[in-house]
Amino acid sequence: MRKLDLHGFTLEEAYQEFTDFIYSAYEDSISKVEIVTGNSGQIKKEFPHWAENNHQIRYIENSWHKGSFIVKIEKKY
């Protein structure tokens, strides 16, 4: 499973990395990815809003690790 670790990024940088990563996964027909946000902080707080507003994402779920999310990508038609 592809993974993106957003530790060390500013909020703006993290959002751009996230959108680029999701687009790349969508284009490559990857169905599921992991996004590491960390256990706390602004990125973890904002991440669900980013995912909700991204049309290439079907849904997100909490990973077994508290500081990450599993993201299900829409199928490319």
PDB file of N, CA and C in Angstrom:
ATOM      1  N   MET A   1       0.857  -1.175   0.000  1.00  0.00           N
ATOM      2  CA  MET A   1       0.000   0.000   0.000  1.00  0.00           C
ATOM      3  C   MET A   1       0.900   1.233   0.000  1.00  0.00           C
ATOM      4  N   ARG A   2       0.573   2.172  -0.856  1.00  0.00           N
ATOM      5  CA  ARG A   2       1.322   3.431  -0.876  1.00  0.00           C
ATOM      6  C   ARG A   2       1.040   4.215   0.395  1.00  0.00           C
ATOM      7  N   LYS A   3       2.064   4.939   0.838  1.00  0.00           N
ATOM      8  CA  LYS A   3       1.926   5.705   2.073  1.00  0.00           C
ATOM      9  C   LYS A   3       2.524   7.093   1.888  1.00  0.00           C
ATOM     10  N   LEU A   4       1.846   8.094   2.449  1.00  0.00           N
ATOM     11  CA  LEU A   4       2.335   9.472   2.474  1.00  0.00           C
ATOM     12  C   LEU A   4       2.447   9.902   3.926  1.00  0.00           C
ATOM     13  N   ASP A   5       3.632  10.327   4.320  1.00  0.00           N
ATOM     14  CA  ASP A   5       3.879  10.802   5.683  1.00  0.00           C
ATOM     15  C   ASP A   5       3.961  12.325   5.651  1.00  0.00           C
ATOM     16  N   LEU A   6       3.049  12.984   6.340  1.00  0.00           N
ATOM     17  CA  LEU A   6       2.964  14.446   6.319  1.00  0.00           C
ATOM     18  C   LEU A   6       3.699  15.111   7.481  1.00  0.00           C
ATOM     19  N   HIS A   7       4.444  14.335   8.264  1.00  0.00           N
ATOM     20  CA  HIS A   7       5.246  14.925   9.342  1.00  0.00           C
ATOM     21  C   HIS A   7       6.246  15.919   8.758  1.00  0.00           C
ATOM     22  N   GLY A   8       6.404  17.040   9.432  1.00  0.00           N
ATOM     23  CA  GLY A   8       7.412  18.022   9.042  1.00  0.00           C
ATOM     24  C   GLY A   8       6.960  19.034   8.010  1.00  0.00           C
ATOM     25  N   PHE A   9       5.747  18.894   7.493  1.00  0.00           N
ATOM     26  CA  PHE A   9       5.228  19.843   6.516  1.00  0.00           C
ATOM     27  C   PHE A   9       4.417  20.931   7.215  1.00  0.00           C
ATOM     28  N   THR A  10       4.408  22.117   6.630  1.00  0.00           N
ATOM     29  CA  THR A  10       3.467  23.134   7.079  1.00  0.00           C
ATOM     30  C   THR A  10       2.082  22.688   6.634  1.00  0.00           C
ATOM     31  N   LEU A  11       1.049  23.320   7.138  1.00  0.00           N
ATOM     32  CA  LEU A  11      -0.315  22.974   6.757  1.00  0.00           C
ATOM     33  C   LEU A  11      -0.511  23.126   5.252  1.00  0.00           C
ATOM     34  N   GLU A  12      -0.033  24.219   4.697  1.00  0.00           N
ATOM     35  CA  GLU A  12      -0.171  24.467   3.257  1.00  0.00           C
ATOM     36  C   GLU A  12       0.603  23.431   2.439  1.00  0.00           C
ATOM     37  N   GLU A  13       1.823  23.133   2.850  1.00  0.00           N
ATOM     38  CA  GLU A  13       2.634  22.131   2.147  1.00  0.00           C
ATOM     39  C   GLU A  13       1.986  20.749   2.233  1.00  0.00           C
ATOM     40  N   ALA A  14       1.462  20.417   3.407  1.00  0.00           N
ATOM     41  CA  ALA A  14       0.828  19.114   3.605  1.00  0.00           C
ATOM     42  C   ALA A  14      -0.392  18.964   2.704  1.00  0.00           C
ATOM     43  N   TYR A  15      -1.180  20.012   2.587  1.00  0.00           N
ATOM     44  CA  TYR A  15      -2.361  19.955   1.723  1.00  0.00           C
ATOM     45  C   TYR A  15      -1.953  19.723   0.272  1.00  0.00           C
ATOM     46  N   GLN A  16      -0.939  20.423  -0.193  1.00  0.00           N
ATOM     47  CA  GLN A  16      -0.479  20.257  -1.574  1.00  0.00           C
ATOM     48  C   GLN A  16       0.079  18.852  -1.803  1.00  0.00           C
ATOM     49  N   GLU A  17       0.882  18.354  -0.865  1.00  0.00           N
ATOM     50  CA  GLU A  17       1.417  16.988  -0.973  1.00  0.00           C
ATOM     51  C   GLU A  17       0.279  15.969  -1.011  1.00  0.00           C
ATOM     52  N   PHE A  18      -0.708  16.165  -0.152  1.00  0.00           N
ATOM     53  CA  PHE A  18      -1.858  15.268  -0.093  1.00  0.00           C
ATOM     54  C   PHE A  18      -2.613  15.250  -1.421  1.00  0.00           C
ATOM     55  N   THR A  19      -2.942  16.414  -1.960  1.00  0.00           N
ATOM     56  CA  THR A  19      -3.710  16.448  -3.204  1.00  0.00           C
ATOM     57  C   THR A  19      -2.916  15.852  -4.364  1.00  0.00           C
ATOM     58  N   ASP A  20      -1.632  16.126  -4.431  1.00  0.00           N
ATOM     59  CA  ASP A  20      -0.788  15.543  -5.480  1.00  0.00           C
ATOM     60  C   ASP A  20      -0.718  14.020  -5.339  1.00  0.00           C
ATOM     61  N   PHE A  21      -0.573  13.548  -4.114  1.00  0.00           N
ATOM     62  CA  PHE A  21      -0.470  12.118  -3.842  1.00  0.00           C
ATOM     63  C   PHE A  21      -1.763  11.392  -4.227  1.00  0.00           C
ATOM     64  N   ILE A  22      -2.900  11.955  -3.852  1.00  0.00           N
ATOM     65  CA  ILE A  22      -4.191  11.338  -4.177  1.00  0.00           C
ATOM     66  C   ILE A  22      -4.401  11.322  -5.686  1.00  0.00           C
ATOM     67  N   TYR A  23      -4.064  12.410  -6.357  1.00  0.00           N
ATOM     68  CA  TYR A  23      -4.203  12.458  -7.812  1.00  0.00           C
ATOM     69  C   TYR A  23      -3.343  11.380  -8.466  1.00  0.00           C
ATOM     70  N   SER A  24      -2.114  11.235  -8.006  1.00  0.00           N
ATOM     71  CA  SER A  24      -1.203  10.230  -8.551  1.00  0.00           C
ATOM     72  C   SER A  24      -1.751   8.817  -8.327  1.00  0.00           C
ATOM     73  N   ALA A  25      -2.258   8.549  -7.138  1.00  0.00           N
ATOM     74  CA  ALA A  25      -2.830   7.234  -6.842  1.00  0.00           C
ATOM     75  C   ALA A  25      -4.044   6.970  -7.731  1.00  0.00           C
ATOM     76  N   TYR A  26      -4.879   7.971  -7.907  1.00  0.00           N
ATOM     77  CA  TYR A  26      -6.052   7.845  -8.771  1.00  0.00           C
ATOM     78  C   TYR A  26      -5.630   7.538 -10.208  1.00  0.00           C
ATOM     79  N   GLU A  27      -4.672   8.288 -10.719  1.00  0.00           N
ATOM     80  CA  GLU A  27      -4.189   8.090 -12.090  1.00  0.00           C
ATOM     81  C   GLU A  27      -3.556   6.714 -12.276  1.00  0.00           C
ATOM     82  N   ASP A  28      -2.947   6.188 -11.233  1.00  0.00           N
ATOM     83  CA  ASP A  28      -2.302   4.872 -11.292  1.00  0.00           C
ATOM     84  C   ASP A  28      -3.251   3.733 -10.910  1.00  0.00           C
ATOM     85  N   SER A  29      -4.526   4.054 -10.733  1.00  0.00           N
ATOM     86  CA  SER A  29      -5.566   3.077 -10.371  1.00  0.00           C
ATOM     87  C   SER A  29      -5.259   2.333  -9.073  1.00  0.00           C
ATOM     88  N   ILE A  30      -4.688   3.051  -8.117  1.00  0.00           N
ATOM     89  CA  ILE A  30      -4.441   2.502  -6.786  1.00  0.00           C
ATOM     90  C   ILE A  30      -5.733   2.650  -5.986  1.00  0.00           C
ATOM     91  N   SER A  31      -6.176   1.577  -5.356  1.00  0.00           N
ATOM     92  CA  SER A  31      -7.480   1.622  -4.692  1.00  0.00           C
ATOM     93  C   SER A  31      -7.436   2.101  -3.249  1.00  0.00           C
ATOM     94  N   LYS A  32      -6.276   1.950  -2.589  1.00  0.00           N
ATOM     95  CA  LYS A  32      -6.209   2.279  -1.172  1.00  0.00           C
ATOM     96  C   LYS A  32      -4.813   2.782  -0.836  1.00  0.00           C
ATOM     97  N   VAL A  33      -4.745   3.844  -0.025  1.00  0.00           N
ATOM     98  CA  VAL A  33      -3.469   4.408   0.415  1.00  0.00           C
ATOM     99  C   VAL A  33      -3.553   4.722   1.906  1.00  0.00           C
ATOM    100  N   GLU A  34      -2.391   4.938   2.503  1.00  0.00           N
ATOM    101  CA  GLU A  34      -2.331   5.345   3.905  1.00  0.00           C
ATOM    102  C   GLU A  34      -1.734   6.741   3.975  1.00  0.00           C
ATOM    103  N   ILE A  35      -2.362   7.609   4.760  1.00  0.00           N
ATOM    104  CA  ILE A  35      -1.875   8.961   4.978  1.00  0.00           C
ATOM    105  C   ILE A  35      -1.532   9.099   6.455  1.00  0.00           C
ATOM    106  N   VAL A  36      -0.274   9.425   6.746  1.00  0.00           N
ATOM    107  CA  VAL A  36       0.185   9.603   8.123  1.00  0.00           C
ATOM    108  C   VAL A  36       0.124  11.091   8.449  1.00  0.00           C
ATOM    109  N   THR A  37      -0.696  11.425   9.449  1.00  0.00           N
ATOM    110  CA  THR A  37      -0.864  12.823   9.847  1.00  0.00           C
ATOM    111  C   THR A  37      -0.195  13.124  11.180  1.00  0.00           C
ATOM    112  N   GLY A  38       0.101  12.098  11.953  1.00  0.00           N
ATOM    113  CA  GLY A  38       0.571  12.278  13.321  1.00  0.00           C
ATOM    114  C   GLY A  38      -0.601  12.152  14.274  1.00  0.00           C
ATOM    115  N   ASN A  39      -0.302  12.015  15.550  1.00  0.00           N
ATOM    116  CA  ASN A  39      -1.338  11.799  16.563  1.00  0.00           C
ATOM    117  C   ASN A  39      -2.131  13.040  16.925  1.00  0.00           C
ATOM    118  N   SER A  40      -1.567  14.195  16.680  1.00  0.00           N
ATOM    119  CA  SER A  40      -2.257  15.439  17.031  1.00  0.00           C
ATOM    120  C   SER A  40      -1.781  16.531  16.088  1.00  0.00           C
ATOM    121  N   GLY A  41      -2.300  17.708  16.282  1.00  0.00           N
ATOM    122  CA  GLY A  41      -1.854  18.830  15.474  1.00  0.00           C
ATOM    123  C   GLY A  41      -2.861  19.245  14.423  1.00  0.00           C
ATOM    124  N   GLN A  42      -2.521  20.320  13.756  1.00  0.00           N
ATOM    125  CA  GLN A  42      -3.419  20.944  12.791  1.00  0.00           C
ATOM    126  C   GLN A  42      -3.668  20.066  11.562  1.00  0.00           C
ATOM    127  N   ILE A  43      -2.639  19.357  11.099  1.00  0.00           N
ATOM    128  CA  ILE A  43      -2.818  18.513   9.915  1.00  0.00           C
ATOM    129  C   ILE A  43      -3.841  17.413  10.202  1.00  0.00           C
ATOM    130  N   LYS A  44      -3.727  16.749  11.335  1.00  0.00           N
ATOM    131  CA  LYS A  44      -4.698  15.703  11.685  1.00  0.00           C
ATOM    132  C   LYS A  44      -6.103  16.285  11.795  1.00  0.00           C
ATOM    133  N   LYS A  45      -6.210  17.468  12.345  1.00  0.00           N
ATOM    134  CA  LYS A  45      -7.512  18.120  12.505  1.00  0.00           C
ATOM    135  C   LYS A  45      -8.133  18.469  11.152  1.00  0.00           C
ATOM    136  N   GLU A  46      -7.323  18.965  10.223  1.00  0.00           N
ATOM    137  CA  GLU A  46      -7.822  19.405   8.919  1.00  0.00           C
ATOM    138  C   GLU A  46      -8.016  18.264   7.924  1.00  0.00           C
ATOM    139  N   PHE A  47      -7.294  17.167   8.111  1.00  0.00           N
ATOM    140  CA  PHE A  47      -7.303  16.097   7.116  1.00  0.00           C
ATOM    141  C   PHE A  47      -8.704  15.611   6.723  1.00  0.00           C
ATOM    142  N   PRO A  48      -9.614  15.333   7.659  1.00  0.00           N
ATOM    143  CA  PRO A  48     -10.950  14.878   7.245  1.00  0.00           C
ATOM    144  C   PRO A  48     -11.666  15.871   6.327  1.00  0.00           C
ATOM    145  N   HIS A  49     -11.446  17.158   6.517  1.00  0.00           N
ATOM    146  CA  HIS A  49     -12.060  18.167   5.648  1.00  0.00           C
ATOM    147  C   HIS A  49     -11.453  18.110   4.252  1.00  0.00           C
ATOM    148  N   TRP A  50     -10.140  17.934   4.187  1.00  0.00           N
ATOM    149  CA  TRP A  50      -9.474  17.811   2.884  1.00  0.00           C
ATOM    150  C   TRP A  50     -10.044  16.618   2.120  1.00  0.00           C
ATOM    151  N   ALA A  51     -10.160  15.487   2.802  1.00  0.00           N
ATOM    152  CA  ALA A  51     -10.645  14.263   2.166  1.00  0.00           C
ATOM    153  C   ALA A  51     -12.098  14.404   1.728  1.00  0.00           C
ATOM    154  N   GLU A  52     -12.900  15.029   2.554  1.00  0.00           N
ATOM    155  CA  GLU A  52     -14.319  15.214   2.249  1.00  0.00           C
ATOM    156  C   GLU A  52     -14.525  16.040   0.982  1.00  0.00           C
ATOM    157  N   ASN A  53     -13.625  16.967   0.730  1.00  0.00           N
ATOM    158  CA  ASN A  53     -13.753  17.859  -0.421  1.00  0.00           C
ATOM    159  C   ASN A  53     -12.977  17.394  -1.648  1.00  0.00           C
ATOM    160  N   ASN A  54     -12.399  16.201  -1.592  1.00  0.00           N
ATOM    161  CA  ASN A  54     -11.640  15.675  -2.720  1.00  0.00           C
ATOM    162  C   ASN A  54     -12.497  14.624  -3.428  1.00  0.00           C
ATOM    163  N   HIS A  55     -12.852  14.881  -4.677  1.00  0.00           N
ATOM    164  CA  HIS A  55     -13.769  14.011  -5.415  1.00  0.00           C
ATOM    165  C   HIS A  55     -13.145  12.689  -5.851  1.00  0.00           C
ATOM    166  N   GLN A  56     -11.850  12.540  -5.676  1.00  0.00           N
ATOM    167  CA  GLN A  56     -11.195  11.281  -6.033  1.00  0.00           C
ATOM    168  C   GLN A  56     -11.172  10.299  -4.858  1.00  0.00           C
ATOM    169  N   ILE A  57     -11.704  10.723  -3.727  1.00  0.00           N
ATOM    170  CA  ILE A  57     -11.725   9.870  -2.533  1.00  0.00           C
ATOM    171  C   ILE A  57     -13.133   9.338  -2.303  1.00  0.00           C
ATOM    172  N   ARG A  58     -13.216   8.027  -2.136  1.00  0.00           N
ATOM    173  CA  ARG A  58     -14.503   7.394  -1.840  1.00  0.00           C
ATOM    174  C   ARG A  58     -14.831   7.528  -0.358  1.00  0.00           C
ATOM    175  N   TYR A  59     -13.878   7.168   0.507  1.00  0.00           N
ATOM    176  CA  TYR A  59     -14.067   7.319   1.953  1.00  0.00           C
ATOM    177  C   TYR A  59     -12.725   7.206   2.659  1.00  0.00           C
ATOM    178  N   ILE A  60     -12.716   7.602   3.940  1.00  0.00           N
ATOM    179  CA  ILE A  60     -11.524   7.432   4.778  1.00  0.00           C
ATOM    180  C   ILE A  60     -11.934   6.672   6.033  1.00  0.00           C
ATOM    181  N   GLU A  61     -10.958   6.004   6.617  1.00  0.00           N
ATOM    182  CA  GLU A  61     -11.185   5.330   7.900  1.00  0.00           C
ATOM    183  C   GLU A  61      -9.921   5.465   8.732  1.00  0.00           C
ATOM    184  N   ASN A  62     -10.082   5.406  10.030  1.00  0.00           N
ATOM    185  CA  ASN A  62      -8.919   5.446  10.913  1.00  0.00           C
ATOM    186  C   ASN A  62      -8.120   4.172  10.738  1.00  0.00           C
ATOM    187  N   SER A  63      -6.828   4.318  10.715  1.00  0.00           N
ATOM    188  CA  SER A  63      -5.941   3.168  10.652  1.00  0.00           C
ATOM    189  C   SER A  63      -5.814   2.569  12.044  1.00  0.00           C
ATOM    190  N   TRP A  64      -5.218   1.398  12.144  1.00  0.00           N
ATOM    191  CA  TRP A  64      -4.946   0.808  13.459  1.00  0.00           C
ATOM    192  C   TRP A  64      -3.977   1.689  14.224  1.00  0.00           C
ATOM    193  N   HIS A  65      -3.192   2.461  13.497  1.00  0.00           N
ATOM    194  CA  HIS A  65      -2.253   3.407  14.106  1.00  0.00           C
ATOM    195  C   HIS A  65      -2.985   4.733  14.266  1.00  0.00           C
ATOM    196  N   LYS A  66      -3.029   5.277  15.451  1.00  0.00           N
ATOM    197  CA  LYS A  66      -3.818   6.481  15.733  1.00  0.00           C
ATOM    198  C   LYS A  66      -3.432   7.691  14.895  1.00  0.00           C
ATOM    199  N   GLY A  67      -2.221   7.734  14.396  1.00  0.00           N
ATOM    200  CA  GLY A  67      -1.763   8.902  13.655  1.00  0.00           C
ATOM    201  C   GLY A  67      -1.868   8.784  12.156  1.00  0.00           C
ATOM    202  N   SER A  68      -2.740   7.878  11.674  1.00  0.00           N
ATOM    203  CA  SER A  68      -2.868   7.747  10.225  1.00  0.00           C
ATOM    204  C   SER A  68      -4.283   7.357   9.825  1.00  0.00           C
ATOM    205  N   PHE A  69      -4.559   7.528   8.540  1.00  0.00           N
ATOM    206  CA  PHE A  69      -5.854   7.212   7.956  1.00  0.00           C
ATOM    207  C   PHE A  69      -5.651   6.309   6.749  1.00  0.00           C
ATOM    208  N   ILE A  70      -6.600   5.427   6.524  1.00  0.00           N
ATOM    209  CA  ILE A  70      -6.655   4.642   5.296  1.00  0.00           C
ATOM    210  C   ILE A  70      -7.648   5.354   4.384  1.00  0.00           C
ATOM    211  N   VAL A  71      -7.238   5.582   3.144  1.00  0.00           N
ATOM    212  CA  VAL A  71      -8.057   6.325   2.190  1.00  0.00           C
ATOM    213  C   VAL A  71      -8.401   5.410   1.025  1.00  0.00           C
ATOM    214  N   LYS A  72      -9.676   5.257   0.754  1.00  0.00           N
ATOM    215  CA  LYS A  72     -10.154   4.477  -0.386  1.00  0.00           C
ATOM    216  C   LYS A  72     -10.352   5.435  -1.555  1.00  0.00           C
ATOM    217  N   ILE A  73      -9.691   5.128  -2.670  1.00  0.00           N
ATOM    218  CA  ILE A  73      -9.706   5.987  -3.856  1.00  0.00           C
ATOM    219  C   ILE A  73     -10.812   5.527  -4.807  1.00  0.00           C
ATOM    220  N   GLU A  74     -11.494   6.478  -5.424  1.00  0.00           N
ATOM    221  CA  GLU A  74     -12.490   6.161  -6.448  1.00  0.00           C
ATOM    222  C   GLU A  74     -11.818   5.456  -7.619  1.00  0.00           C
ATOM    223  N   LYS A  75     -12.571   4.638  -8.324  1.00  0.00           N
ATOM    224  CA  LYS A  75     -12.047   3.988  -9.523  1.00  0.00           C
ATOM    225  C   LYS A  75     -11.993   4.989 -10.665  1.00  0.00           C
ATOM    226  N   LYS A  76     -10.935   4.877 -11.445  1.00  0.00           N
ATOM    227  CA  LYS A  76     -10.789   5.728 -12.624  1.00  0.00           C
ATOM    228  C   LYS A  76     -11.573   5.084 -13.766  1.00  0.00           C
ATOM    229  N   TYR A  77     -12.420   5.849 -14.403  1.00  0.00           N
ATOM    230  CA  TYR A  77     -13.233   5.308 -15.500  1.00  0.00           C
ATOM    231  C   TYR A  77     -12.689   5.721 -16.831  1.00  0.00           C
TER     232      TYR A  77
END
